[in-house]
Amino acid sequence: MAIFVTEDDAQGGVDHVDSHRTVMLAVSPYARRNYVAHGNSSFPGLLKTIFRLLGLPPLNLFDAAATDLSECFTDRPDYTPYTVMPADRAVFDPDKVKDPLDPAPDSPRMDDPRVIRQQHERR
């Protein structure tokens, strides 16, 4: 089993070095503990890793040519439990999390759940 966590879009929260950088977490008994990968990868690299784990061929040339994330894994699983740490409020403040079903009233979003709900009700 492996769980991958990453952003779907930087949403203007760009990195101080390069706006193309982002965070990606790999959660698995086979993920290297306390490991930070410094190699250049991409979303196609993430997809390539998932396809390789599932034994699937790449979908296209971008996936095939991408650098996978194999350096983040080991062949020996580590089932040692981990200790849950509180959220670092400098990185994530749970009190400031916005309810996705309650977007800002002045925010004209195409994915506003209220607009989507209204569209479905009209059908």
PDB file of N, CA and C in Angstrom:
ATOM      1  N   MET A   1       0.833  -1.167   0.000  1.00  0.00           N
ATOM      2  CA  MET A   1       0.000   0.000   0.000  1.00  0.00           C
ATOM      3  C   MET A   1       0.885   1.240   0.000  1.00  0.00           C
ATOM      4  N   ALA A   2       0.438   2.230  -0.721  1.00  0.00           N
ATOM      5  CA  ALA A   2       1.121   3.522  -0.718  1.00  0.00           C
ATOM      6  C   ALA A   2       0.083   4.622  -0.880  1.00  0.00           C
ATOM      7  N   ILE A   3       0.268   5.688  -0.149  1.00  0.00           N
ATOM      8  CA  ILE A   3      -0.588   6.867  -0.248  1.00  0.00           C
ATOM      9  C   ILE A   3       0.308   8.033  -0.637  1.00  0.00           C
ATOM     10  N   PHE A   4      -0.096   8.767  -1.655  1.00  0.00           N
ATOM     11  CA  PHE A   4       0.659   9.940  -2.094  1.00  0.00           C
ATOM     12  C   PHE A   4      -0.189  11.180  -1.847  1.00  0.00           C
ATOM     13  N   VAL A   5       0.433  12.198  -1.259  1.00  0.00           N
ATOM     14  CA  VAL A   5      -0.270  13.441  -0.948  1.00  0.00           C
ATOM     15  C   VAL A   5       0.500  14.586  -1.591  1.00  0.00           C
ATOM     16  N   THR A   6      -0.197  15.389  -2.388  1.00  0.00           N
ATOM     17  CA  THR A   6       0.418  16.550  -3.013  1.00  0.00           C
ATOM     18  C   THR A   6      -0.662  17.585  -3.293  1.00  0.00           C
ATOM     19  N   GLU A   7      -0.249  18.776  -3.675  1.00  0.00           N
ATOM     20  CA  GLU A   7      -1.188  19.821  -4.041  1.00  0.00           C
ATOM     21  C   GLU A   7      -1.713  19.572  -5.445  1.00  0.00           C
ATOM     22  N   ASP A   8      -2.928  19.987  -5.678  1.00  0.00           N
ATOM     23  CA  ASP A   8      -3.427  19.918  -7.053  1.00  0.00           C
ATOM     24  C   ASP A   8      -3.093  21.202  -7.798  1.00  0.00           C
ATOM     25  N   ASP A   9      -2.836  22.276  -7.056  1.00  0.00           N
ATOM     26  CA  ASP A   9      -2.530  23.567  -7.666  1.00  0.00           C
ATOM     27  C   ASP A   9      -1.939  24.453  -6.581  1.00  0.00           C
ATOM     28  N   ALA A  10      -0.892  25.184  -6.909  1.00  0.00           N
ATOM     29  CA  ALA A  10      -0.241  26.033  -5.906  1.00  0.00           C
ATOM     30  C   ALA A  10      -1.140  27.170  -5.433  1.00  0.00           C
ATOM     31  N   GLN A  11      -2.155  27.550  -6.205  1.00  0.00           N
ATOM     32  CA  GLN A  11      -3.123  28.574  -5.810  1.00  0.00           C
ATOM     33  C   GLN A  11      -2.462  29.873  -5.380  1.00  0.00           C
ATOM     34  N   GLY A  12      -1.371  30.226  -5.995  1.00  0.00           N
ATOM     35  CA  GLY A  12      -0.707  31.480  -5.676  1.00  0.00           C
ATOM     36  C   GLY A  12       0.223  31.390  -4.480  1.00  0.00           C
ATOM     37  N   GLY A  13       0.302  30.240  -3.826  1.00  0.00           N
ATOM     38  CA  GLY A  13       1.201  30.072  -2.694  1.00  0.00           C
ATOM     39  C   GLY A  13       2.534  29.547  -3.176  1.00  0.00           C
ATOM     40  N   VAL A  14       3.191  30.336  -4.025  1.00  0.00           N
ATOM     41  CA  VAL A  14       4.398  29.849  -4.677  1.00  0.00           C
ATOM     42  C   VAL A  14       5.567  29.754  -3.706  1.00  0.00           C
ATOM     43  N   ASP A  15       6.483  28.893  -4.048  1.00  0.00           N
ATOM     44  CA  ASP A  15       7.690  28.660  -3.272  1.00  0.00           C
ATOM     45  C   ASP A  15       8.633  29.859  -3.418  1.00  0.00           C
ATOM     46  N   HIS A  16       9.467  30.100  -2.417  1.00  0.00           N
ATOM     47  CA  HIS A  16      10.378  31.249  -2.460  1.00  0.00           C
ATOM     48  C   HIS A  16      11.554  31.042  -3.424  1.00  0.00           C
ATOM     49  N   VAL A  17      11.761  29.805  -3.883  1.00  0.00           N
ATOM     50  CA  VAL A  17      12.859  29.533  -4.811  1.00  0.00           C
ATOM     51  C   VAL A  17      12.338  29.409  -6.236  1.00  0.00           C
ATOM     52  N   ASP A  18      11.270  28.651  -6.409  1.00  0.00           N
ATOM     53  CA  ASP A  18      10.735  28.407  -7.747  1.00  0.00           C
ATOM     54  C   ASP A  18       9.246  28.109  -7.627  1.00  0.00           C
ATOM     55  N   SER A  19       8.446  28.790  -8.398  1.00  0.00           N
ATOM     56  CA  SER A  19       6.995  28.607  -8.291  1.00  0.00           C
ATOM     57  C   SER A  19       6.535  27.242  -8.784  1.00  0.00           C
ATOM     58  N   HIS A  20       7.418  26.463  -9.371  1.00  0.00           N
ATOM     59  CA  HIS A  20       7.053  25.133  -9.839  1.00  0.00           C
ATOM     60  C   HIS A  20       7.267  24.059  -8.775  1.00  0.00           C
ATOM     61  N   ARG A  21       7.897  24.434  -7.653  1.00  0.00           N
ATOM     62  CA  ARG A  21       8.143  23.444  -6.600  1.00  0.00           C
ATOM     63  C   ARG A  21       6.897  23.269  -5.750  1.00  0.00           C
ATOM     64  N   THR A  22       6.752  22.067  -5.192  1.00  0.00           N
ATOM     65  CA  THR A  22       5.634  21.793  -4.306  1.00  0.00           C
ATOM     66  C   THR A  22       6.021  20.664  -3.354  1.00  0.00           C
ATOM     67  N   VAL A  23       5.131  20.322  -2.470  1.00  0.00           N
ATOM     68  CA  VAL A  23       5.347  19.268  -1.490  1.00  0.00           C
ATOM     69  C   VAL A  23       4.672  17.994  -1.984  1.00  0.00           C
ATOM     70  N   MET A  24       5.338  16.864  -1.773  1.00  0.00           N
ATOM     71  CA  MET A  24       4.740  15.570  -2.055  1.00  0.00           C
ATOM     72  C   MET A  24       5.133  14.639  -0.919  1.00  0.00           C
ATOM     73  N   LEU A  25       4.161  13.973  -0.343  1.00  0.00           N
ATOM     74  CA  LEU A  25       4.415  13.027   0.738  1.00  0.00           C
ATOM     75  C   LEU A  25       4.077  11.621   0.262  1.00  0.00           C
ATOM     76  N   ALA A  26       4.912  10.664   0.615  1.00  0.00           N
ATOM     77  CA  ALA A  26       4.653   9.259   0.330  1.00  0.00           C
ATOM     78  C   ALA A  26       4.488   8.543   1.659  1.00  0.00           C
ATOM     79  N   VAL A  27       3.360   7.867   1.823  1.00  0.00           N
ATOM     80  CA  VAL A  27       3.057   7.159   3.062  1.00  0.00           C
ATOM     81  C   VAL A  27       2.923   5.680   2.727  1.00  0.00           C
ATOM     82  N   SER A  28       3.797   4.880   3.294  1.00  0.00           N
ATOM     83  CA  SER A  28       3.790   3.447   3.005  1.00  0.00           C
ATOM     84  C   SER A  28       4.770   2.753   3.939  1.00  0.00           C
ATOM     85  N   PRO A  29       4.539   1.490   4.251  1.00  0.00           N
ATOM     86  CA  PRO A  29       5.552   0.757   5.007  1.00  0.00           C
ATOM     87  C   PRO A  29       6.861   0.657   4.225  1.00  0.00           C
ATOM     88  N   TYR A  30       6.776   0.831   2.909  1.00  0.00           N
ATOM     89  CA  TYR A  30       7.965   0.743   2.054  1.00  0.00           C
ATOM     90  C   TYR A  30       8.602   2.112   1.787  1.00  0.00           C
ATOM     91  N   ALA A  31       7.996   3.181   2.294  1.00  0.00           N
ATOM     92  CA  ALA A  31       8.589   4.513   2.121  1.00  0.00           C
ATOM     93  C   ALA A  31       9.760   4.667   3.084  1.00  0.00           C
ATOM     94  N   ARG A  32      10.834   5.277   2.606  1.00  0.00           N
ATOM     95  CA  ARG A  32      11.999   5.505   3.479  1.00  0.00           C
ATOM     96  C   ARG A  32      11.606   6.512   4.561  1.00  0.00           C
ATOM     97  N   ARG A  33      11.898   6.167   5.785  1.00  0.00           N
ATOM     98  CA  ARG A  33      11.576   7.067   6.900  1.00  0.00           C
ATOM     99  C   ARG A  33      12.570   8.212   6.975  1.00  0.00           C
ATOM    100  N   ASN A  34      12.055   9.396   7.314  1.00  0.00           N
ATOM    101  CA  ASN A  34      12.886  10.594   7.492  1.00  0.00           C
ATOM    102  C   ASN A  34      13.749  10.874   6.259  1.00  0.00           C
ATOM    103  N   TYR A  35      13.204  10.636   5.103  1.00  0.00           N
ATOM    104  CA  TYR A  35      13.957  10.798   3.860  1.00  0.00           C
ATOM    105  C   TYR A  35      13.397  11.969   3.077  1.00  0.00           C
ATOM    106  N   VAL A  36      14.279  12.786   2.556  1.00  0.00           N
ATOM    107  CA  VAL A  36      13.888  13.895   1.691  1.00  0.00           C
ATOM    108  C   VAL A  36      14.559  13.689   0.345  1.00  0.00           C
ATOM    109  N   ALA A  37      13.744  13.563  -0.689  1.00  0.00           N
ATOM    110  CA  ALA A  37      14.287  13.399  -2.037  1.00  0.00           C
ATOM    111  C   ALA A  37      14.598  14.773  -2.604  1.00  0.00           C
ATOM    112  N   HIS A  38      15.753  14.916  -3.199  1.00  0.00           N
ATOM    113  CA  HIS A  38      16.160  16.200  -3.772  1.00  0.00           C
ATOM    114  C   HIS A  38      16.217  16.161  -5.289  1.00  0.00           C
ATOM    115  N   GLY A  39      15.900  15.010  -5.860  1.00  0.00           N
ATOM    116  CA  GLY A  39      15.921  14.894  -7.317  1.00  0.00           C
ATOM    117  C   GLY A  39      14.743  15.619  -7.943  1.00  0.00           C
ATOM    118  N   ASN A  40      14.911  15.994  -9.192  1.00  0.00           N
ATOM    119  CA  ASN A  40      13.852  16.670  -9.912  1.00  0.00           C
ATOM    120  C   ASN A  40      12.815  15.643 -10.358  1.00  0.00           C
ATOM    121  N   SER A  41      11.580  15.869 -10.014  1.00  0.00           N
ATOM    122  CA  SER A  41      10.501  15.015 -10.467  1.00  0.00           C
ATOM    123  C   SER A  41       9.336  15.896 -10.880  1.00  0.00           C
ATOM    124  N   SER A  42       8.216  15.283 -11.174  1.00  0.00           N
ATOM    125  CA  SER A  42       7.066  16.019 -11.688  1.00  0.00           C
ATOM    126  C   SER A  42       5.813  15.206 -11.423  1.00  0.00           C
ATOM    127  N   PHE A  43       4.675  15.788 -11.772  1.00  0.00           N
ATOM    128  CA  PHE A  43       3.432  15.036 -11.626  1.00  0.00           C
ATOM    129  C   PHE A  43       3.445  13.790 -12.503  1.00  0.00           C
ATOM    130  N   PRO A  44       3.941  13.875 -13.747  1.00  0.00           N
ATOM    131  CA  PRO A  44       4.076  12.624 -14.514  1.00  0.00           C
ATOM    132  C   PRO A  44       4.988  11.605 -13.808  1.00  0.00           C
ATOM    133  N   GLY A  45       5.995  12.080 -13.064  1.00  0.00           N
ATOM    134  CA  GLY A  45       6.844  11.169 -12.297  1.00  0.00           C
ATOM    135  C   GLY A  45       6.063  10.476 -11.194  1.00  0.00           C
ATOM    136  N   LEU A  46       5.148  11.207 -10.569  1.00  0.00           N
ATOM    137  CA  LEU A  46       4.274  10.617  -9.551  1.00  0.00           C
ATOM    138  C   LEU A  46       3.377   9.566 -10.191  1.00  0.00           C
ATOM    139  N   LEU A  47       2.798   9.910 -11.348  1.00  0.00           N
ATOM    140  CA  LEU A  47       1.957   8.939 -12.052  1.00  0.00           C
ATOM    141  C   LEU A  47       2.754   7.707 -12.463  1.00  0.00           C
ATOM    142  N   LYS A  48       3.983   7.916 -12.941  1.00  0.00           N
ATOM    143  CA  LYS A  48       4.824   6.787 -13.346  1.00  0.00           C
ATOM    144  C   LYS A  48       5.082   5.865 -12.157  1.00  0.00           C
ATOM    145  N   THR A  49       5.316   6.440 -10.996  1.00  0.00           N
ATOM    146  CA  THR A  49       5.544   5.648  -9.789  1.00  0.00           C
ATOM    147  C   THR A  49       4.308   4.827  -9.450  1.00  0.00           C
ATOM    148  N   ILE A  50       3.142   5.452  -9.501  1.00  0.00           N
ATOM    149  CA  ILE A  50       1.897   4.744  -9.198  1.00  0.00           C
ATOM    150  C   ILE A  50       1.681   3.618 -10.206  1.00  0.00           C
ATOM    151  N   PHE A  51       1.896   3.907 -11.493  1.00  0.00           N
ATOM    152  CA  PHE A  51       1.724   2.871 -12.520  1.00  0.00           C
ATOM    153  C   PHE A  51       2.680   1.704 -12.285  1.00  0.00           C
ATOM    154  N   ARG A  52       3.928   2.021 -11.921  1.00  0.00           N
ATOM    155  CA  ARG A  52       4.903   0.947 -11.684  1.00  0.00           C
ATOM    156  C   ARG A  52       4.501   0.104 -10.487  1.00  0.00           C
ATOM    157  N   LEU A  53       3.985   0.741  -9.423  1.00  0.00           N
ATOM    158  CA  LEU A  53       3.532  -0.005  -8.244  1.00  0.00           C
ATOM    159  C   LEU A  53       2.366  -0.926  -8.590  1.00  0.00           C
ATOM    160  N   LEU A  54       1.521  -0.490  -9.513  1.00  0.00           N
ATOM    161  CA  LEU A  54       0.359  -1.290  -9.915  1.00  0.00           C
ATOM    162  C   LEU A  54       0.660  -2.244 -11.068  1.00  0.00           C
ATOM    163  N   GLY A  55       1.889  -2.185 -11.607  1.00  0.00           N
ATOM    164  CA  GLY A  55       2.265  -3.048 -12.711  1.00  0.00           C
ATOM    165  C   GLY A  55       1.608  -2.646 -14.030  1.00  0.00           C
ATOM    166  N   LEU A  56       1.316  -1.349 -14.181  1.00  0.00           N
ATOM    167  CA  LEU A  56       0.670  -0.853 -15.394  1.00  0.00           C
ATOM    168  C   LEU A  56       1.680  -0.144 -16.293  1.00  0.00           C
ATOM    169  N   PRO A  57       1.466  -0.165 -17.595  1.00  0.00           N
ATOM    170  CA  PRO A  57       2.360   0.565 -18.495  1.00  0.00           C
ATOM    171  C   PRO A  57       2.050   2.063 -18.438  1.00  0.00           C
ATOM    172  N   PRO A  58       2.989   2.906 -18.869  1.00  0.00           N
ATOM    173  CA  PRO A  58       2.721   4.345 -18.892  1.00  0.00           C
ATOM    174  C   PRO A  58       1.593   4.672 -19.868  1.00  0.00           C
ATOM    175  N   LEU A  59       0.883   5.765 -19.586  1.00  0.00           N
ATOM    176  CA  LEU A  59      -0.224   6.170 -20.459  1.00  0.00           C
ATOM    177  C   LEU A  59       0.254   6.887 -21.708  1.00  0.00           C
ATOM    178  N   ASN A  60       1.390   7.591 -21.587  1.00  0.00           N
ATOM    179  CA  ASN A  60       1.877   8.358 -22.737  1.00  0.00           C
ATOM    180  C   ASN A  60       3.385   8.555 -22.611  1.00  0.00           C
ATOM    181  N   LEU A  61       3.949   9.275 -23.544  1.00  0.00           N
ATOM    182  CA  LEU A  61       5.390   9.499 -23.573  1.00  0.00           C
ATOM    183  C   LEU A  61       5.868  10.301 -22.367  1.00  0.00           C
ATOM    184  N   PHE A  62       5.047  11.252 -21.891  1.00  0.00           N
ATOM    185  CA  PHE A  62       5.434  12.056 -20.729  1.00  0.00           C
ATOM    186  C   PHE A  62       5.601  11.171 -19.495  1.00  0.00           C
ATOM    187  N   ASP A  63       4.656  10.259 -19.285  1.00  0.00           N
ATOM    188  CA  ASP A  63       4.761   9.337 -18.153  1.00  0.00           C
ATOM    189  C   ASP A  63       5.949   8.395 -18.315  1.00  0.00           C
ATOM    190  N   ALA A  64       6.166   7.915 -19.525  1.00  0.00           N
ATOM    191  CA  ALA A  64       7.259   6.971 -19.777  1.00  0.00           C
ATOM    192  C   ALA A  64       8.627   7.614 -19.557  1.00  0.00           C
ATOM    193  N   ALA A  65       8.769   8.886 -19.943  1.00  0.00           N
ATOM    194  CA  ALA A  65      10.066   9.564 -19.849  1.00  0.00           C
ATOM    195  C   ALA A  65      10.314  10.216 -18.493  1.00  0.00           C
ATOM    196  N   ALA A  66       9.301  10.297 -17.666  1.00  0.00           N
ATOM    197  CA  ALA A  66       9.431  10.976 -16.368  1.00  0.00           C
ATOM    198  C   ALA A  66      10.344  10.205 -15.420  1.00  0.00           C
ATOM    199  N   THR A  67      10.962  10.932 -14.520  1.00  0.00           N
ATOM    200  CA  THR A  67      11.766  10.318 -13.460  1.00  0.00           C
ATOM    201  C   THR A  67      10.824   9.842 -12.371  1.00  0.00           C
ATOM    202  N   ASP A  68      10.861   8.555 -12.066  1.00  0.00           N
ATOM    203  CA  ASP A  68       9.963   8.060 -11.033  1.00  0.00           C
ATOM    204  C   ASP A  68      10.509   8.381  -9.640  1.00  0.00           C
ATOM    205  N   LEU A  69       9.743   8.034  -8.633  1.00  0.00           N
ATOM    206  CA  LEU A  69      10.105   8.336  -7.249  1.00  0.00           C
ATOM    207  C   LEU A  69      10.626   7.102  -6.519  1.00  0.00           C
ATOM    208  N   SER A  70      11.253   6.183  -7.252  1.00  0.00           N
ATOM    209  CA  SER A  70      11.713   4.938  -6.644  1.00  0.00           C
ATOM    210  C   SER A  70      12.737   5.168  -5.535  1.00  0.00           C
ATOM    211  N   GLU A  71      13.469   6.283  -5.586  1.00  0.00           N
ATOM    212  CA  GLU A  71      14.453   6.550  -4.531  1.00  0.00           C
ATOM    213  C   GLU A  71      13.788   6.763  -3.172  1.00  0.00           C
ATOM    214  N   CYS A  72      12.497   7.031  -3.163  1.00  0.00           N
ATOM    215  CA  CYS A  72      11.774   7.269  -1.911  1.00  0.00           C
ATOM    216  C   CYS A  72      11.352   5.979  -1.225  1.00  0.00           C
ATOM    217  N   PHE A  73      11.600   4.837  -1.874  1.00  0.00           N
ATOM    218  CA  PHE A  73      11.127   3.562  -1.348  1.00  0.00           C
ATOM    219  C   PHE A  73      12.273   2.603  -1.090  1.00  0.00           C
ATOM    220  N   THR A  74      12.006   1.622  -0.263  1.00  0.00           N
ATOM    221  CA  THR A  74      12.952   0.565   0.055  1.00  0.00           C
ATOM    222  C   THR A  74      12.266  -0.775  -0.178  1.00  0.00           C
ATOM    223  N   ASP A  75      13.024  -1.842  -0.285  1.00  0.00           N
ATOM    224  CA  ASP A  75      12.413  -3.155  -0.506  1.00  0.00           C
ATOM    225  C   ASP A  75      12.047  -3.859   0.791  1.00  0.00           C
ATOM    226  N   ARG A  76      12.378  -3.239   1.934  1.00  0.00           N
ATOM    227  CA  ARG A  76      12.025  -3.815   3.238  1.00  0.00           C
ATOM    228  C   ARG A  76      10.974  -2.956   3.922  1.00  0.00           C
ATOM    229  N   PRO A  77       9.812  -3.507   4.213  1.00  0.00           N
ATOM    230  CA  PRO A  77       8.781  -2.712   4.877  1.00  0.00           C
ATOM    231  C   PRO A  77       9.158  -2.425   6.328  1.00  0.00           C
ATOM    232  N   ASP A  78       8.733  -1.283   6.816  1.00  0.00           N
ATOM    233  CA  ASP A  78       8.948  -0.889   8.212  1.00  0.00           C
ATOM    234  C   ASP A  78       7.571  -0.663   8.822  1.00  0.00           C
ATOM    235  N   TYR A  79       7.147  -1.583   9.681  1.00  0.00           N
ATOM    236  CA  TYR A  79       5.822  -1.501  10.285  1.00  0.00           C
ATOM    237  C   TYR A  79       5.846  -0.827  11.651  1.00  0.00           C
ATOM    238  N   THR A  80       6.945  -0.174  11.982  1.00  0.00           N
ATOM    239  CA  THR A  80       7.041   0.510  13.267  1.00  0.00           C
ATOM    240  C   THR A  80       5.981   1.607  13.346  1.00  0.00           C
ATOM    241  N   PRO A  81       5.204   1.643  14.419  1.00  0.00           N
ATOM    242  CA  PRO A  81       4.196   2.705  14.535  1.00  0.00           C
ATOM    243  C   PRO A  81       4.864   4.080  14.642  1.00  0.00           C
ATOM    244  N   TYR A  82       4.137   5.072  14.297  1.00  0.00           N
ATOM    245  CA  TYR A  82       4.654   6.428  14.396  1.00  0.00           C
ATOM    246  C   TYR A  82       3.878   7.194  15.459  1.00  0.00           C
ATOM    247  N   THR A  83       4.488   8.236  15.962  1.00  0.00           N
ATOM    248  CA  THR A  83       3.857   9.087  16.960  1.00  0.00           C
ATOM    249  C   THR A  83       3.240  10.293  16.256  1.00  0.00           C
ATOM    250  N   VAL A  84       1.956  10.495  16.489  1.00  0.00           N
ATOM    251  CA  VAL A  84       1.274  11.636  15.878  1.00  0.00           C
ATOM    252  C   VAL A  84       1.773  12.913  16.528  1.00  0.00           C
ATOM    253  N   MET A  85       2.146  13.871  15.708  1.00  0.00           N
ATOM    254  CA  MET A  85       2.633  15.162  16.190  1.00  0.00           C
ATOM    255  C   MET A  85       1.550  16.204  15.930  1.00  0.00           C
ATOM    256  N   PRO A  86       1.454  17.209  16.771  1.00  0.00           N
ATOM    257  CA  PRO A  86       0.477  18.269  16.485  1.00  0.00           C
ATOM    258  C   PRO A  86       0.876  19.044  15.240  1.00  0.00           C
ATOM    259  N   ALA A  87      -0.115  19.633  14.597  1.00  0.00           N
ATOM    260  CA  ALA A  87       0.146  20.419  13.388  1.00  0.00           C
ATOM    261  C   ALA A  87       1.022  21.617  13.722  1.00  0.00           C
ATOM    262  N   ASP A  88       2.004  21.877  12.875  1.00  0.00           N
ATOM    263  CA  ASP A  88       2.846  23.067  13.013  1.00  0.00           C
ATOM    264  C   ASP A  88       2.054  24.242  12.460  1.00  0.00           C
ATOM    265  N   ARG A  89       1.606  25.130  13.324  1.00  0.00           N
ATOM    266  CA  ARG A  89       0.735  26.234  12.902  1.00  0.00           C
ATOM    267  C   ARG A  89       1.434  27.209  11.957  1.00  0.00           C
ATOM    268  N   ALA A  90       2.747  27.151  11.875  1.00  0.00           N
ATOM    269  CA  ALA A  90       3.446  27.987  10.897  1.00  0.00           C
ATOM    270  C   ALA A  90       3.225  27.432   9.487  1.00  0.00           C
ATOM    271  N   VAL A  91       2.921  26.134   9.408  1.00  0.00           N
ATOM    272  CA  VAL A  91       2.695  25.483   8.128  1.00  0.00           C
ATOM    273  C   VAL A  91       1.203  25.313   7.861  1.00  0.00           C
ATOM    274  N   PHE A  92       0.460  24.891   8.894  1.00  0.00           N
ATOM    275  CA  PHE A  92      -0.972  24.627   8.750  1.00  0.00           C
ATOM    276  C   PHE A  92      -1.682  25.021  10.030  1.00  0.00           C
ATOM    277  N   ASP A  93      -2.623  25.957   9.921  1.00  0.00           N
ATOM    278  CA  ASP A  93      -3.394  26.400  11.075  1.00  0.00           C
ATOM    279  C   ASP A  93      -4.816  25.879  10.928  1.00  0.00           C
ATOM    280  N   PRO A  94      -5.192  24.843  11.678  1.00  0.00           N
ATOM    281  CA  PRO A  94      -6.531  24.261  11.553  1.00  0.00           C
ATOM    282  C   PRO A  94      -7.650  25.271  11.808  1.00  0.00           C
ATOM    283  N   ASP A  95      -7.382  26.299  12.615  1.00  0.00           N
ATOM    284  CA  ASP A  95      -8.409  27.296  12.904  1.00  0.00           C
ATOM    285  C   ASP A  95      -8.719  28.178  11.699  1.00  0.00           C
ATOM    286  N   LYS A  96      -7.836  28.199  10.715  1.00  0.00           N
ATOM    287  CA  LYS A  96      -8.034  29.047   9.538  1.00  0.00           C
ATOM    288  C   LYS A  96      -8.519  28.267   8.321  1.00  0.00           C
ATOM    289  N   VAL A  97      -8.790  26.993   8.510  1.00  0.00           N
ATOM    290  CA  VAL A  97      -9.250  26.172   7.398  1.00  0.00           C
ATOM    291  C   VAL A  97     -10.663  26.596   7.025  1.00  0.00           C
ATOM    292  N   LYS A  98     -10.868  26.766   5.748  1.00  0.00           N
ATOM    293  CA  LYS A  98     -12.168  27.194   5.249  1.00  0.00           C
ATOM    294  C   LYS A  98     -12.992  25.978   4.858  1.00  0.00           C
ATOM    295  N   ASP A  99     -14.251  25.995   5.202  1.00  0.00           N
ATOM    296  CA  ASP A  99     -15.161  24.922   4.822  1.00  0.00           C
ATOM    297  C   ASP A  99     -15.363  24.976   3.312  1.00  0.00           C
ATOM    298  N   PRO A 100     -15.062  23.907   2.589  1.00  0.00           N
ATOM    299  CA  PRO A 100     -15.193  23.943   1.126  1.00  0.00           C
ATOM    300  C   PRO A 100     -16.627  24.140   0.663  1.00  0.00           C
ATOM    301  N   LEU A 101     -17.598  23.849   1.524  1.00  0.00           N
ATOM    302  CA  LEU A 101     -18.992  24.056   1.150  1.00  0.00           C
ATOM    303  C   LEU A 101     -19.461  25.473   1.430  1.00  0.00           C
ATOM    304  N   ASP A 102     -18.566  26.309   1.954  1.00  0.00           N
ATOM    305  CA  ASP A 102     -18.924  27.682   2.280  1.00  0.00           C
ATOM    306  C   ASP A 102     -17.884  28.633   1.699  1.00  0.00           C
ATOM    307  N   PRO A 103     -17.848  28.783   0.360  1.00  0.00           N
ATOM    308  CA  PRO A 103     -16.849  29.671  -0.254  1.00  0.00           C
ATOM    309  C   PRO A 103     -17.145  31.131   0.076  1.00  0.00           C
ATOM    310  N   ALA A 104     -16.144  31.954  -0.063  1.00  0.00           N
ATOM    311  CA  ALA A 104     -16.306  33.383   0.187  1.00  0.00           C
ATOM    312  C   ALA A 104     -17.391  33.941  -0.729  1.00  0.00           C
ATOM    313  N   PRO A 105     -18.286  34.774  -0.198  1.00  0.00           N
ATOM    314  CA  PRO A 105     -19.387  35.277  -1.021  1.00  0.00           C
ATOM    315  C   PRO A 105     -18.922  36.120  -2.204  1.00  0.00           C
ATOM    316  N   ASP A 106     -17.765  36.746  -2.110  1.00  0.00           N
ATOM    317  CA  ASP A 106     -17.282  37.591  -3.199  1.00  0.00           C
ATOM    318  C   ASP A 106     -16.352  36.832  -4.143  1.00  0.00           C
ATOM    319  N   SER A 107     -16.298  35.516  -4.006  1.00  0.00           N
ATOM    320  CA  SER A 107     -15.400  34.707  -4.823  1.00  0.00           C
ATOM    321  C   SER A 107     -16.185  34.013  -5.935  1.00  0.00           C
ATOM    322  N   PRO A 108     -16.098  34.517  -7.159  1.00  0.00           N
ATOM    323  CA  PRO A 108     -16.815  33.865  -8.264  1.00  0.00           C
ATOM    324  C   PRO A 108     -16.066  32.630  -8.732  1.00  0.00           C
ATOM    325  N   ARG A 109     -16.340  31.510  -8.109  1.00  0.00           N
ATOM    326  CA  ARG A 109     -15.637  30.269  -8.419  1.00  0.00           C
ATOM    327  C   ARG A 109     -16.508  29.369  -9.278  1.00  0.00           C
ATOM    328  N   MET A 110     -15.891  28.784 -10.274  1.00  0.00           N
ATOM    329  CA  MET A 110     -16.620  27.856 -11.136  1.00  0.00           C
ATOM    330  C   MET A 110     -16.964  26.572 -10.377  1.00  0.00           C
ATOM    331  N   ASP A 111     -16.172  26.230  -9.366  1.00  0.00           N
ATOM    332  CA  ASP A 111     -16.426  24.997  -8.635  1.00  0.00           C
ATOM    333  C   ASP A 111     -17.141  25.261  -7.310  1.00  0.00           C
ATOM    334  N   ASP A 112     -17.837  26.390  -7.207  1.00  0.00           N
ATOM    335  CA  ASP A 112     -18.599  26.721  -6.014  1.00  0.00           C
ATOM    336  C   ASP A 112     -19.688  25.663  -5.838  1.00  0.00           C
ATOM    337  N   PRO A 113     -19.685  24.923  -4.726  1.00  0.00           N
ATOM    338  CA  PRO A 113     -20.673  23.851  -4.531  1.00  0.00           C
ATOM    339  C   PRO A 113     -22.112  24.349  -4.621  1.00  0.00           C
ATOM    340  N   ARG A 114     -22.358  25.585  -4.199  1.00  0.00           N
ATOM    341  CA  ARG A 114     -23.726  26.105  -4.277  1.00  0.00           C
ATOM    342  C   ARG A 114     -24.153  26.272  -5.725  1.00  0.00           C
ATOM    343  N   VAL A 115     -23.252  26.754  -6.573  1.00  0.00           N
ATOM    344  CA  VAL A 115     -23.568  26.927  -7.990  1.00  0.00           C
ATOM    345  C   VAL A 115     -23.789  25.564  -8.643  1.00  0.00           C
ATOM    346  N   ILE A 116     -22.934  24.611  -8.333  1.00  0.00           N
ATOM    347  CA  ILE A 116     -23.074  23.267  -8.894  1.00  0.00           C
ATOM    348  C   ILE A 116     -24.399  22.652  -8.454  1.00  0.00           C
ATOM    349  N   ARG A 117     -24.741  22.816  -7.171  1.00  0.00           N
ATOM    350  CA  ARG A 117     -25.997  22.272  -6.638  1.00  0.00           C
ATOM    351  C   ARG A 117     -27.187  22.916  -7.370  1.00  0.00           C
ATOM    352  N   GLN A 118     -27.139  24.234  -7.575  1.00  0.00           N
ATOM    353  CA  GLN A 118     -28.226  24.930  -8.273  1.00  0.00           C
ATOM    354  C   GLN A 118     -28.361  24.422  -9.710  1.00  0.00           C
ATOM    355  N   GLN A 119     -27.233  24.180 -10.366  1.00  0.00           N
ATOM    356  CA  GLN A 119     -27.269  23.682 -11.737  1.00  0.00           C
ATOM    357  C   GLN A 119     -27.924  22.318 -11.805  1.00  0.00           C
ATOM    358  N   HIS A 120     -27.609  21.447 -10.815  1.00  0.00           N
ATOM    359  CA  HIS A 120     -28.193  20.118 -10.800  1.00  0.00           C
ATOM    360  C   HIS A 120     -29.681  20.177 -10.485  1.00  0.00           C
ATOM    361  N   GLU A 121     -30.080  21.106  -9.629  1.00  0.00           N
ATOM    362  CA  GLU A 121     -31.493  21.226  -9.279  1.00  0.00           C
ATOM    363  C   GLU A 121     -32.324  21.715 -10.462  1.00  0.00           C
ATOM    364  N   ARG A 122     -31.721  22.484 -11.364  1.00  0.00           N
ATOM    365  CA  ARG A 122     -32.420  22.997 -12.534  1.00  0.00           C
ATOM    366  C   ARG A 122     -32.687  21.902 -13.567  1.00  0.00           C
ATOM    367  N   ARG A 123     -31.909  20.843 -13.521  1.00  0.00           N
ATOM    368  CA  ARG A 123     -32.044  19.773 -14.530  1.00  0.00           C
ATOM    369  C   ARG A 123     -33.261  18.965 -14.318  1.00  0.00           C
TER     370      ARG A 123
END
